[in-house]
């Protein structure tokens, strides 16, 4: 684990992903999870307070960053949920086919280098009739905002651990065999527009 990851990147991501508007988005989507859940990009486990204990049986938390796993550990320890952390990226999901009832993505697709492979892996482990539940920031609909997202993205990726500002989230899902059953989008309040456009909803295997 590098010093940058431990002392700057992990605290920065934890802070950015824990702002009031972002936590409100988590509160919208996480309670929809049920059964055996795969949370891809668990980070510091900020979602744990929002799971519905009556609906969730077990959670696999996939998190490749050692620094973020270290931050997640105390949150998992004090939680009453059954959670297993897995130190692998989204492109390498070590679960059997059709073994997951819900896949949860919260501010994860922006960072996964090979998003196509990762989403195919999520599709592989999701049971028929299972759900992929997500809230993600991404491509803004306004040309002026999108222009600046593209302009600063190369520098931002280096600063923010590979985060991309302008990934077209619905398109990524449909291109990898998911059917969007529910989709909402808006600029989050109290957030700079370059980072504020959010997509959230539910997808199933097409």
N, C-alpha and C. Protein backbone atom coordinates (compact mmCIF):
# COMPACT_ATOMS: atom_id res chain seq x y z
N UNK A 1 0.85 -1.19 0.00
CA UNK A 1 0.00 0.00 0.00
C UNK A 1 0.88 1.24 0.00
N UNK A 2 0.70 2.12 -1.00
CA UNK A 2 1.50 3.33 -1.09
C UNK A 2 1.06 4.39 -0.10
N UNK A 3 1.98 5.31 0.19
CA UNK A 3 1.67 6.39 1.13
C UNK A 3 0.56 7.28 0.60
N UNK A 4 0.56 7.52 -0.73
CA UNK A 4 -0.49 8.37 -1.33
C UNK A 4 -1.86 7.74 -1.11
N UNK A 5 -1.95 6.41 -1.38
CA UNK A 5 -3.23 5.72 -1.21
C UNK A 5 -3.69 5.76 0.24
N UNK A 6 -2.77 5.52 1.16
CA UNK A 6 -3.14 5.40 2.57
C UNK A 6 -3.48 6.74 3.22
N UNK A 7 -2.64 7.74 2.95
CA UNK A 7 -2.75 8.99 3.70
C UNK A 7 -3.50 10.11 2.96
N UNK A 8 -3.68 9.95 1.64
CA UNK A 8 -4.44 10.97 0.92
C UNK A 8 -5.65 10.39 0.20
N UNK A 9 -5.42 9.40 -0.69
CA UNK A 9 -6.50 8.95 -1.56
C UNK A 9 -7.65 8.32 -0.78
N UNK A 10 -7.35 7.39 0.12
CA UNK A 10 -8.43 6.74 0.87
C UNK A 10 -9.22 7.73 1.73
N UNK A 11 -8.56 8.63 2.48
CA UNK A 11 -9.35 9.62 3.23
C UNK A 11 -10.15 10.55 2.32
N UNK A 12 -9.56 10.92 1.16
CA UNK A 12 -10.27 11.80 0.23
C UNK A 12 -11.52 11.12 -0.31
N UNK A 13 -11.38 9.87 -0.76
CA UNK A 13 -12.53 9.14 -1.31
C UNK A 13 -13.59 8.94 -0.23
N UNK A 14 -13.15 8.59 0.96
CA UNK A 14 -14.10 8.39 2.05
C UNK A 14 -14.90 9.66 2.33
N UNK A 15 -14.23 10.79 2.30
CA UNK A 15 -14.90 12.08 2.53
C UNK A 15 -15.83 12.43 1.38
N UNK A 16 -15.34 12.30 0.13
CA UNK A 16 -16.14 12.66 -1.04
C UNK A 16 -17.37 11.78 -1.17
N UNK A 17 -17.24 10.51 -0.80
CA UNK A 17 -18.35 9.56 -0.93
C UNK A 17 -19.26 9.57 0.29
N UNK A 18 -18.97 10.44 1.25
CA UNK A 18 -19.79 10.52 2.45
C UNK A 18 -20.44 11.87 2.64
N UNK A 19 -20.50 12.70 1.59
CA UNK A 19 -21.17 13.98 1.70
C UNK A 19 -22.68 13.77 1.83
N UNK A 20 -23.37 14.78 2.30
CA UNK A 20 -24.80 14.65 2.55
C UNK A 20 -25.59 14.25 1.29
N UNK A 21 -25.36 14.87 0.11
CA UNK A 21 -26.11 14.45 -1.08
C UNK A 21 -25.83 13.01 -1.48
N UNK A 22 -24.57 12.57 -1.33
CA UNK A 22 -24.22 11.19 -1.69
C UNK A 22 -24.85 10.20 -0.71
N UNK A 23 -24.82 10.52 0.56
CA UNK A 23 -25.45 9.64 1.55
C UNK A 23 -26.95 9.54 1.31
N UNK A 24 -27.56 10.63 0.86
CA UNK A 24 -28.99 10.59 0.55
C UNK A 24 -29.26 9.63 -0.60
N UNK A 25 -28.38 9.63 -1.61
CA UNK A 25 -28.52 8.69 -2.72
C UNK A 25 -28.38 7.26 -2.24
N UNK A 26 -27.43 7.01 -1.37
CA UNK A 26 -27.27 5.66 -0.82
C UNK A 26 -28.55 5.23 -0.10
N UNK A 27 -29.11 6.15 0.66
CA UNK A 27 -30.32 5.84 1.42
C UNK A 27 -31.49 5.49 0.49
N UNK A 28 -31.49 6.03 -0.73
CA UNK A 28 -32.55 5.72 -1.69
C UNK A 28 -32.46 4.29 -2.21
N UNK A 29 -31.23 3.84 -2.51
CA UNK A 29 -31.10 2.60 -3.27
C UNK A 29 -30.75 1.38 -2.42
N UNK A 30 -29.92 1.54 -1.39
CA UNK A 30 -29.42 0.38 -0.65
C UNK A 30 -30.54 -0.44 -0.01
N UNK A 31 -31.60 0.17 0.54
CA UNK A 31 -32.66 -0.64 1.16
C UNK A 31 -33.38 -1.57 0.20
N UNK A 32 -33.18 -1.40 -1.10
CA UNK A 32 -33.82 -2.28 -2.08
C UNK A 32 -33.12 -3.63 -2.19
N UNK A 33 -31.91 -3.74 -1.66
CA UNK A 33 -31.15 -4.99 -1.76
C UNK A 33 -31.84 -6.09 -0.95
N UNK A 34 -31.74 -7.32 -1.46
CA UNK A 34 -32.32 -8.45 -0.75
C UNK A 34 -31.54 -9.72 -1.02
N UNK A 35 -31.70 -10.68 -0.12
CA UNK A 35 -31.07 -11.98 -0.28
C UNK A 35 -29.56 -11.93 -0.10
N UNK A 36 -28.86 -12.63 -0.98
CA UNK A 36 -27.41 -12.67 -0.96
C UNK A 36 -26.90 -11.56 -1.88
N UNK A 37 -26.19 -10.62 -1.31
CA UNK A 37 -25.83 -9.37 -2.00
C UNK A 37 -24.34 -9.35 -2.31
N UNK A 38 -24.02 -8.93 -3.52
CA UNK A 38 -22.64 -8.62 -3.89
C UNK A 38 -22.52 -7.12 -4.04
N UNK A 39 -21.79 -6.48 -3.13
CA UNK A 39 -21.53 -5.05 -3.24
C UNK A 39 -20.16 -4.87 -3.88
N UNK A 40 -20.15 -4.34 -5.09
CA UNK A 40 -18.91 -4.17 -5.85
C UNK A 40 -18.36 -2.77 -5.57
N UNK A 41 -17.13 -2.73 -5.04
CA UNK A 41 -16.56 -1.45 -4.64
C UNK A 41 -17.11 -1.02 -3.29
N UNK A 42 -16.91 -1.84 -2.27
CA UNK A 42 -17.50 -1.55 -0.96
C UNK A 42 -16.89 -0.32 -0.31
N UNK A 43 -15.65 0.03 -0.70
CA UNK A 43 -15.02 1.20 -0.12
C UNK A 43 -14.86 1.07 1.38
N UNK A 44 -15.25 2.09 2.10
CA UNK A 44 -15.14 2.07 3.57
C UNK A 44 -16.42 1.59 4.24
N UNK A 45 -17.28 0.91 3.47
CA UNK A 45 -18.52 0.31 3.99
C UNK A 45 -19.54 1.35 4.44
N UNK A 46 -19.63 2.44 3.69
CA UNK A 46 -20.59 3.48 4.04
C UNK A 46 -22.04 3.06 3.84
N UNK A 47 -22.27 1.99 3.07
CA UNK A 47 -23.65 1.56 2.80
C UNK A 47 -24.28 0.74 3.92
N UNK A 48 -23.46 0.22 4.82
CA UNK A 48 -23.98 -0.75 5.79
C UNK A 48 -25.18 -0.24 6.60
N UNK A 49 -25.21 1.03 7.04
CA UNK A 49 -26.37 1.46 7.84
C UNK A 49 -27.69 1.46 7.08
N UNK A 50 -27.63 1.40 5.74
CA UNK A 50 -28.85 1.57 4.94
C UNK A 50 -29.46 0.25 4.47
N UNK A 51 -28.79 -0.87 4.71
CA UNK A 51 -29.38 -2.16 4.34
C UNK A 51 -30.59 -2.47 5.22
N UNK A 52 -31.59 -3.08 4.62
CA UNK A 52 -32.77 -3.54 5.35
C UNK A 52 -32.43 -4.92 5.95
N UNK A 53 -32.28 -4.97 7.27
CA UNK A 53 -31.87 -6.21 7.95
C UNK A 53 -32.86 -7.34 7.75
N UNK A 54 -34.11 -7.03 7.49
CA UNK A 54 -35.13 -8.07 7.32
C UNK A 54 -35.09 -8.69 5.92
N UNK A 55 -34.36 -8.05 4.99
CA UNK A 55 -34.35 -8.53 3.61
C UNK A 55 -33.03 -9.14 3.17
N UNK A 56 -31.95 -8.82 3.89
CA UNK A 56 -30.61 -9.22 3.45
C UNK A 56 -30.12 -10.43 4.25
N UNK A 57 -29.64 -11.43 3.51
CA UNK A 57 -29.12 -12.66 4.14
C UNK A 57 -27.62 -12.59 4.37
N UNK A 58 -26.88 -12.08 3.39
CA UNK A 58 -25.42 -12.11 3.43
C UNK A 58 -24.89 -11.08 2.44
N UNK A 59 -23.71 -10.50 2.73
CA UNK A 59 -23.11 -9.51 1.82
C UNK A 59 -21.67 -9.89 1.54
N UNK A 60 -21.34 -10.01 0.26
CA UNK A 60 -19.95 -10.04 -0.18
C UNK A 60 -19.54 -8.62 -0.52
N UNK A 61 -18.47 -8.13 0.05
CA UNK A 61 -17.99 -6.79 -0.24
C UNK A 61 -16.70 -6.85 -1.03
N UNK A 62 -16.77 -6.58 -2.32
CA UNK A 62 -15.60 -6.63 -3.19
C UNK A 62 -14.89 -5.29 -3.13
N UNK A 63 -13.62 -5.28 -2.73
CA UNK A 63 -12.88 -4.03 -2.60
C UNK A 63 -11.38 -4.29 -2.83
N UNK A 64 -10.83 -3.81 -3.97
CA UNK A 64 -9.43 -4.09 -4.29
C UNK A 64 -8.42 -3.24 -3.54
N UNK A 65 -8.83 -2.12 -2.96
CA UNK A 65 -7.90 -1.21 -2.30
C UNK A 65 -7.66 -1.62 -0.85
N UNK A 66 -6.41 -1.90 -0.53
CA UNK A 66 -6.08 -2.26 0.85
C UNK A 66 -6.39 -1.12 1.81
N UNK A 67 -6.12 0.11 1.38
CA UNK A 67 -6.39 1.26 2.24
C UNK A 67 -7.88 1.40 2.55
N UNK A 68 -8.72 1.15 1.54
CA UNK A 68 -10.16 1.23 1.76
C UNK A 68 -10.67 0.06 2.59
N UNK A 69 -10.09 -1.12 2.41
CA UNK A 69 -10.47 -2.26 3.25
C UNK A 69 -10.14 -1.98 4.71
N UNK A 70 -9.00 -1.33 4.95
CA UNK A 70 -8.64 -0.97 6.32
C UNK A 70 -9.68 -0.03 6.92
N UNK A 71 -10.19 0.91 6.10
CA UNK A 71 -11.21 1.83 6.59
C UNK A 71 -12.55 1.12 6.80
N UNK A 72 -12.81 0.10 5.96
CA UNK A 72 -14.08 -0.63 6.07
C UNK A 72 -14.13 -1.53 7.30
N UNK A 73 -12.98 -2.06 7.70
CA UNK A 73 -12.94 -3.09 8.74
C UNK A 73 -13.67 -2.70 10.03
N UNK A 74 -13.43 -1.51 10.61
CA UNK A 74 -14.15 -1.18 11.85
C UNK A 74 -15.64 -1.00 11.64
N UNK A 75 -16.05 -0.51 10.45
CA UNK A 75 -17.48 -0.36 10.18
C UNK A 75 -18.16 -1.72 10.07
N UNK A 76 -17.45 -2.69 9.46
CA UNK A 76 -17.99 -4.04 9.35
C UNK A 76 -18.06 -4.70 10.72
N UNK A 77 -17.02 -4.49 11.53
CA UNK A 77 -16.96 -5.12 12.84
C UNK A 77 -18.10 -4.69 13.75
N UNK A 78 -18.49 -3.44 13.65
CA UNK A 78 -19.57 -2.96 14.54
C UNK A 78 -20.96 -3.16 13.94
N UNK A 79 -21.02 -3.66 12.70
CA UNK A 79 -22.31 -3.89 12.05
C UNK A 79 -22.88 -5.24 12.46
N UNK A 80 -24.21 -5.34 12.47
CA UNK A 80 -24.87 -6.61 12.77
C UNK A 80 -25.12 -7.44 11.51
N UNK A 81 -24.62 -6.99 10.36
CA UNK A 81 -24.78 -7.71 9.11
C UNK A 81 -23.65 -8.71 8.91
N UNK A 82 -23.95 -9.78 8.18
CA UNK A 82 -22.95 -10.81 7.88
C UNK A 82 -22.24 -10.39 6.59
N UNK A 83 -20.99 -9.93 6.72
CA UNK A 83 -20.25 -9.36 5.60
C UNK A 83 -18.92 -10.08 5.44
N UNK A 84 -18.57 -10.40 4.20
CA UNK A 84 -17.25 -10.95 3.90
C UNK A 84 -16.56 -10.04 2.90
N UNK A 85 -15.44 -9.45 3.29
CA UNK A 85 -14.66 -8.62 2.38
C UNK A 85 -13.83 -9.49 1.46
N UNK A 86 -13.78 -9.12 0.18
CA UNK A 86 -12.99 -9.84 -0.82
C UNK A 86 -12.03 -8.85 -1.46
N UNK A 87 -10.73 -9.15 -1.40
CA UNK A 87 -9.74 -8.19 -1.90
C UNK A 87 -9.40 -8.43 -3.36
N UNK A 88 -10.44 -8.31 -4.20
CA UNK A 88 -10.27 -8.44 -5.64
C UNK A 88 -11.03 -7.33 -6.34
N UNK A 89 -10.65 -6.98 -7.58
CA UNK A 89 -11.36 -5.95 -8.34
C UNK A 89 -12.64 -6.50 -8.96
N UNK A 90 -13.44 -5.59 -9.51
CA UNK A 90 -14.70 -5.98 -10.13
C UNK A 90 -14.56 -6.89 -11.32
N UNK A 91 -13.39 -6.87 -11.95
CA UNK A 91 -13.16 -7.74 -13.10
C UNK A 91 -12.91 -9.19 -12.69
N UNK A 92 -12.71 -9.43 -11.39
CA UNK A 92 -12.41 -10.78 -10.89
C UNK A 92 -13.33 -11.10 -9.72
N UNK A 93 -14.51 -11.59 -10.02
CA UNK A 93 -15.48 -11.92 -8.99
C UNK A 93 -15.42 -13.41 -8.71
N UNK A 94 -14.94 -13.82 -7.53
CA UNK A 94 -14.70 -15.25 -7.26
C UNK A 94 -15.93 -15.98 -6.75
N UNK A 95 -17.07 -15.79 -7.41
CA UNK A 95 -18.31 -16.43 -7.00
C UNK A 95 -18.84 -17.29 -8.14
N UNK A 96 -19.68 -18.25 -7.79
CA UNK A 96 -20.24 -19.16 -8.78
C UNK A 96 -21.30 -18.45 -9.62
N UNK A 97 -21.56 -19.00 -10.79
CA UNK A 97 -22.63 -18.50 -11.65
C UNK A 97 -23.96 -18.55 -10.88
N UNK A 98 -24.81 -17.55 -11.13
CA UNK A 98 -26.18 -17.54 -10.59
C UNK A 98 -26.20 -17.71 -9.07
N UNK A 99 -25.30 -17.04 -8.38
CA UNK A 99 -25.19 -17.23 -6.93
C UNK A 99 -25.61 -16.00 -6.11
N UNK A 100 -25.97 -14.91 -6.79
CA UNK A 100 -26.23 -13.63 -6.12
C UNK A 100 -27.65 -13.16 -6.43
N UNK A 101 -28.36 -12.71 -5.40
CA UNK A 101 -29.71 -12.18 -5.61
C UNK A 101 -29.69 -10.72 -6.02
N UNK A 102 -28.73 -9.95 -5.48
CA UNK A 102 -28.64 -8.52 -5.75
C UNK A 102 -27.18 -8.12 -5.93
N UNK A 103 -26.91 -7.38 -6.98
CA UNK A 103 -25.62 -6.70 -7.13
C UNK A 103 -25.84 -5.23 -6.82
N UNK A 104 -24.99 -4.66 -5.98
CA UNK A 104 -25.10 -3.25 -5.61
C UNK A 104 -23.87 -2.48 -6.09
N UNK A 105 -24.12 -1.40 -6.80
CA UNK A 105 -23.07 -0.50 -7.29
C UNK A 105 -23.35 0.90 -6.79
N UNK A 106 -22.47 1.44 -5.96
CA UNK A 106 -22.62 2.82 -5.51
C UNK A 106 -21.30 3.55 -5.72
N UNK A 107 -21.26 4.38 -6.75
CA UNK A 107 -20.09 5.19 -7.07
C UNK A 107 -18.85 4.31 -7.28
N UNK A 108 -19.03 3.34 -8.17
CA UNK A 108 -18.01 2.32 -8.44
C UNK A 108 -17.64 2.25 -9.92
N UNK A 109 -18.64 2.32 -10.80
CA UNK A 109 -18.37 2.17 -12.24
C UNK A 109 -17.44 3.24 -12.79
N UNK A 110 -17.38 4.37 -12.12
CA UNK A 110 -16.51 5.45 -12.59
C UNK A 110 -15.05 5.06 -12.54
N UNK A 111 -14.70 4.11 -11.66
CA UNK A 111 -13.30 3.82 -11.37
C UNK A 111 -12.80 2.51 -11.95
N UNK A 112 -13.68 1.54 -12.18
CA UNK A 112 -13.24 0.22 -12.65
C UNK A 112 -12.58 0.37 -14.03
N UNK A 113 -11.31 -0.03 -14.17
CA UNK A 113 -10.62 0.15 -15.46
C UNK A 113 -11.32 -0.56 -16.62
N UNK A 114 -11.60 -1.84 -16.46
CA UNK A 114 -12.27 -2.61 -17.52
C UNK A 114 -13.73 -2.82 -17.11
N UNK A 115 -14.51 -1.77 -17.30
CA UNK A 115 -15.90 -1.82 -16.86
C UNK A 115 -16.69 -2.90 -17.59
N UNK A 116 -16.35 -3.16 -18.85
CA UNK A 116 -17.09 -4.15 -19.64
C UNK A 116 -16.94 -5.54 -19.03
N UNK A 117 -15.71 -5.95 -18.74
CA UNK A 117 -15.47 -7.25 -18.12
C UNK A 117 -16.13 -7.32 -16.75
N UNK A 118 -16.04 -6.24 -15.98
CA UNK A 118 -16.62 -6.23 -14.64
C UNK A 118 -18.14 -6.43 -14.69
N UNK A 119 -18.80 -5.73 -15.59
CA UNK A 119 -20.25 -5.87 -15.70
C UNK A 119 -20.64 -7.25 -16.22
N UNK A 120 -19.84 -7.82 -17.10
CA UNK A 120 -20.11 -9.19 -17.55
C UNK A 120 -19.98 -10.17 -16.39
N UNK A 121 -19.00 -9.94 -15.50
CA UNK A 121 -18.85 -10.78 -14.32
C UNK A 121 -20.05 -10.63 -13.38
N UNK A 122 -20.54 -9.42 -13.22
CA UNK A 122 -21.72 -9.21 -12.38
C UNK A 122 -22.93 -9.92 -12.98
N UNK A 123 -23.04 -9.85 -14.28
CA UNK A 123 -24.14 -10.53 -14.98
C UNK A 123 -24.04 -12.04 -14.80
N UNK A 124 -22.82 -12.55 -14.82
CA UNK A 124 -22.60 -14.00 -14.68
C UNK A 124 -23.06 -14.50 -13.30
N UNK A 125 -22.74 -13.76 -12.24
CA UNK A 125 -23.05 -14.26 -10.89
C UNK A 125 -24.47 -13.94 -10.46
N UNK A 126 -25.15 -13.05 -11.17
CA UNK A 126 -26.51 -12.67 -10.79
C UNK A 126 -27.50 -13.76 -11.19
N UNK A 127 -28.36 -14.13 -10.27
CA UNK A 127 -29.37 -15.15 -10.56
C UNK A 127 -30.39 -14.64 -11.57
N UNK A 128 -30.99 -15.54 -12.35
CA UNK A 128 -32.13 -15.12 -13.19
C UNK A 128 -33.21 -14.49 -12.31
N UNK A 129 -33.66 -13.34 -12.70
CA UNK A 129 -34.64 -12.62 -11.89
C UNK A 129 -34.03 -11.75 -10.82
N UNK A 130 -32.69 -11.81 -10.67
CA UNK A 130 -32.01 -10.95 -9.70
C UNK A 130 -31.92 -9.53 -10.20
N UNK A 131 -31.46 -8.63 -9.33
CA UNK A 131 -31.44 -7.20 -9.65
C UNK A 131 -30.05 -6.61 -9.46
N UNK A 132 -29.69 -5.72 -10.34
CA UNK A 132 -28.52 -4.86 -10.17
C UNK A 132 -29.05 -3.49 -9.79
N UNK A 133 -28.70 -3.03 -8.60
CA UNK A 133 -29.18 -1.76 -8.07
C UNK A 133 -27.99 -0.80 -8.04
N UNK A 134 -28.20 0.43 -8.50
CA UNK A 134 -27.06 1.32 -8.66
C UNK A 134 -27.40 2.78 -8.39
N UNK A 135 -26.39 3.50 -7.95
CA UNK A 135 -26.37 4.96 -8.02
C UNK A 135 -24.94 5.35 -8.37
N UNK A 136 -24.79 6.10 -9.45
CA UNK A 136 -23.47 6.41 -10.01
C UNK A 136 -23.46 7.84 -10.56
N UNK A 137 -22.32 8.50 -10.44
CA UNK A 137 -22.18 9.78 -11.13
C UNK A 137 -21.64 9.51 -12.53
N UNK A 138 -21.87 10.46 -13.46
CA UNK A 138 -21.40 10.20 -14.81
C UNK A 138 -21.63 11.35 -15.75
N UNK A 139 -21.80 11.00 -17.02
CA UNK A 139 -21.88 11.96 -18.12
C UNK A 139 -23.03 12.94 -17.93
N UNK A 140 -22.70 14.22 -17.94
CA UNK A 140 -23.72 15.26 -17.82
C UNK A 140 -24.45 15.46 -19.14
N UNK A 141 -25.74 15.82 -19.10
CA UNK A 141 -26.51 16.01 -20.33
C UNK A 141 -26.27 17.36 -21.01
N UNK A 142 -25.67 18.30 -20.29
CA UNK A 142 -25.45 19.64 -20.84
C UNK A 142 -24.09 19.71 -21.53
N UNK A 143 -24.09 20.19 -22.77
CA UNK A 143 -22.87 20.19 -23.57
C UNK A 143 -21.73 20.94 -22.89
N UNK A 144 -22.05 22.06 -22.26
CA UNK A 144 -21.01 22.85 -21.62
C UNK A 144 -20.36 22.12 -20.45
N UNK A 145 -21.18 21.47 -19.65
CA UNK A 145 -20.65 20.71 -18.52
C UNK A 145 -19.85 19.51 -19.01
N UNK A 146 -20.39 18.81 -20.00
CA UNK A 146 -19.70 17.64 -20.54
C UNK A 146 -18.35 18.01 -21.15
N UNK A 147 -18.29 19.15 -21.80
CA UNK A 147 -17.03 19.60 -22.38
C UNK A 147 -15.95 19.73 -21.31
N UNK A 148 -16.31 20.29 -20.15
CA UNK A 148 -15.34 20.46 -19.08
C UNK A 148 -15.05 19.14 -18.37
N UNK A 149 -16.05 18.26 -18.30
CA UNK A 149 -15.77 16.93 -17.76
C UNK A 149 -14.68 16.23 -18.58
N UNK A 150 -14.81 16.29 -19.89
CA UNK A 150 -13.83 15.65 -20.78
C UNK A 150 -12.47 16.35 -20.69
N UNK A 151 -12.50 17.64 -20.53
CA UNK A 151 -11.26 18.42 -20.52
C UNK A 151 -10.41 18.11 -19.29
N UNK A 152 -11.05 18.01 -18.13
CA UNK A 152 -10.25 17.81 -16.92
C UNK A 152 -10.12 16.34 -16.53
N UNK A 153 -10.83 15.45 -17.24
CA UNK A 153 -10.83 14.04 -16.84
C UNK A 153 -9.45 13.40 -16.77
N UNK A 154 -8.55 13.62 -17.73
CA UNK A 154 -7.23 12.97 -17.64
C UNK A 154 -6.48 13.32 -16.36
N UNK A 155 -6.52 14.58 -15.97
CA UNK A 155 -5.86 14.99 -14.74
C UNK A 155 -6.61 14.48 -13.51
N UNK A 156 -7.93 14.56 -13.55
CA UNK A 156 -8.75 14.10 -12.44
C UNK A 156 -8.51 12.62 -12.15
N UNK A 157 -8.41 11.79 -13.21
CA UNK A 157 -8.19 10.36 -13.02
C UNK A 157 -6.91 10.09 -12.23
N UNK A 158 -5.86 10.84 -12.53
CA UNK A 158 -4.60 10.63 -11.83
C UNK A 158 -4.71 11.05 -10.37
N UNK A 159 -5.44 12.11 -10.13
CA UNK A 159 -5.60 12.64 -8.76
C UNK A 159 -6.52 11.77 -7.92
N UNK A 160 -7.58 11.24 -8.56
CA UNK A 160 -8.67 10.61 -7.82
C UNK A 160 -8.72 9.09 -7.98
N UNK A 161 -7.58 8.47 -8.16
CA UNK A 161 -7.53 7.01 -8.14
C UNK A 161 -8.21 6.32 -9.30
N UNK A 162 -8.22 6.97 -10.47
CA UNK A 162 -8.80 6.35 -11.66
C UNK A 162 -10.24 6.71 -11.91
N UNK A 163 -10.82 7.58 -11.11
CA UNK A 163 -12.22 7.98 -11.30
C UNK A 163 -12.40 8.74 -12.61
N UNK A 164 -13.41 8.33 -13.38
CA UNK A 164 -13.78 9.02 -14.62
C UNK A 164 -15.04 9.86 -14.38
N UNK A 165 -15.01 11.09 -14.85
CA UNK A 165 -16.13 12.00 -14.59
C UNK A 165 -17.32 11.79 -15.52
N UNK A 166 -17.11 11.23 -16.71
CA UNK A 166 -18.14 11.31 -17.74
C UNK A 166 -18.50 9.98 -18.38
N UNK A 167 -18.48 8.92 -17.61
CA UNK A 167 -18.92 7.64 -18.17
C UNK A 167 -20.45 7.65 -18.33
N UNK A 168 -20.95 7.17 -19.48
CA UNK A 168 -22.40 7.14 -19.74
C UNK A 168 -23.02 5.90 -19.09
N UNK A 169 -23.38 6.00 -17.86
CA UNK A 169 -23.74 4.84 -17.05
C UNK A 169 -24.85 3.98 -17.67
N UNK A 170 -25.99 4.54 -18.11
CA UNK A 170 -27.03 3.67 -18.70
C UNK A 170 -26.52 2.91 -19.91
N UNK A 171 -25.71 3.55 -20.73
CA UNK A 171 -25.17 2.89 -21.92
C UNK A 171 -24.26 1.73 -21.55
N UNK A 172 -23.43 1.90 -20.52
CA UNK A 172 -22.55 0.82 -20.10
C UNK A 172 -23.36 -0.40 -19.68
N UNK A 173 -24.46 -0.17 -18.98
CA UNK A 173 -25.29 -1.28 -18.51
C UNK A 173 -25.98 -2.00 -19.66
N UNK A 174 -26.56 -1.25 -20.55
CA UNK A 174 -27.29 -1.89 -21.66
C UNK A 174 -26.33 -2.59 -22.63
N UNK A 175 -25.14 -2.06 -22.80
CA UNK A 175 -24.16 -2.68 -23.70
C UNK A 175 -23.65 -4.02 -23.17
N UNK A 176 -23.82 -4.27 -21.90
CA UNK A 176 -23.34 -5.53 -21.32
C UNK A 176 -24.49 -6.47 -20.94
N UNK A 177 -25.64 -6.26 -21.56
CA UNK A 177 -26.73 -7.23 -21.42
C UNK A 177 -27.68 -7.00 -20.27
N UNK A 178 -27.73 -5.78 -19.75
CA UNK A 178 -28.69 -5.45 -18.71
C UNK A 178 -29.86 -4.66 -19.30
N UNK A 179 -31.01 -4.87 -18.73
CA UNK A 179 -32.23 -4.17 -19.13
C UNK A 179 -32.60 -3.21 -18.00
N UNK A 180 -32.66 -1.93 -18.30
CA UNK A 180 -32.97 -0.92 -17.29
C UNK A 180 -34.47 -0.92 -16.99
N UNK A 181 -34.81 -1.39 -15.81
CA UNK A 181 -36.21 -1.44 -15.40
C UNK A 181 -36.66 -0.14 -14.74
N UNK A 182 -35.70 0.59 -14.20
CA UNK A 182 -36.01 1.84 -13.51
C UNK A 182 -34.78 2.73 -13.61
N UNK A 183 -34.96 3.98 -14.01
CA UNK A 183 -33.83 4.89 -14.15
C UNK A 183 -34.26 6.31 -13.85
N UNK A 184 -33.50 6.95 -12.97
CA UNK A 184 -33.68 8.38 -12.68
C UNK A 184 -32.32 9.06 -12.82
N UNK A 185 -32.35 10.36 -13.06
CA UNK A 185 -31.11 11.10 -13.20
C UNK A 185 -31.35 12.57 -12.86
N UNK A 186 -30.33 13.19 -12.24
CA UNK A 186 -30.43 14.61 -11.91
C UNK A 186 -29.06 15.09 -11.43
N UNK A 187 -28.89 16.42 -11.42
CA UNK A 187 -27.74 17.02 -10.75
C UNK A 187 -28.03 17.02 -9.24
N UNK A 188 -27.09 16.49 -8.48
CA UNK A 188 -27.26 16.52 -7.03
C UNK A 188 -27.07 17.94 -6.51
N UNK A 189 -27.84 18.34 -5.51
CA UNK A 189 -27.70 19.68 -4.95
C UNK A 189 -26.39 19.83 -4.18
N UNK A 190 -25.96 21.06 -4.04
CA UNK A 190 -24.78 21.40 -3.23
C UNK A 190 -23.52 20.66 -3.68
N UNK A 191 -23.43 20.40 -4.99
CA UNK A 191 -22.31 19.66 -5.56
C UNK A 191 -21.89 20.33 -6.85
N UNK A 192 -20.59 20.57 -7.08
CA UNK A 192 -20.15 21.15 -8.35
C UNK A 192 -20.66 20.34 -9.53
N UNK A 193 -21.13 21.01 -10.57
CA UNK A 193 -21.80 20.32 -11.67
C UNK A 193 -20.93 19.28 -12.37
N UNK A 194 -19.63 19.49 -12.39
CA UNK A 194 -18.75 18.52 -13.04
C UNK A 194 -18.85 17.15 -12.39
N UNK A 195 -19.20 17.11 -11.12
CA UNK A 195 -19.24 15.86 -10.37
C UNK A 195 -20.67 15.48 -9.98
N UNK A 196 -21.65 16.28 -10.35
CA UNK A 196 -22.96 16.21 -9.70
C UNK A 196 -24.01 15.38 -10.43
N UNK A 197 -23.79 15.07 -11.73
CA UNK A 197 -24.88 14.40 -12.44
C UNK A 197 -24.92 12.93 -12.05
N UNK A 198 -26.04 12.52 -11.47
CA UNK A 198 -26.20 11.16 -10.95
C UNK A 198 -27.27 10.38 -11.68
N UNK A 199 -26.98 9.10 -11.89
CA UNK A 199 -27.94 8.14 -12.40
C UNK A 199 -28.21 7.13 -11.30
N UNK A 200 -29.46 6.72 -11.13
CA UNK A 200 -29.74 5.66 -10.19
C UNK A 200 -30.97 4.88 -10.64
N UNK A 201 -30.99 3.61 -10.24
CA UNK A 201 -32.12 2.78 -10.64
C UNK A 201 -31.87 1.29 -10.45
N UNK A 202 -32.60 0.50 -11.24
CA UNK A 202 -32.57 -0.95 -11.14
C UNK A 202 -32.44 -1.54 -12.54
N UNK A 203 -31.58 -2.53 -12.68
CA UNK A 203 -31.41 -3.24 -13.94
C UNK A 203 -31.53 -4.74 -13.70
N UNK A 204 -31.98 -5.44 -14.72
CA UNK A 204 -32.05 -6.89 -14.69
C UNK A 204 -31.37 -7.46 -15.92
N UNK A 205 -31.09 -8.75 -15.89
CA UNK A 205 -30.50 -9.40 -17.06
C UNK A 205 -31.49 -9.40 -18.20
N UNK A 206 -31.08 -8.89 -19.34
CA UNK A 206 -31.98 -8.78 -20.49
C UNK A 206 -32.31 -10.16 -21.06
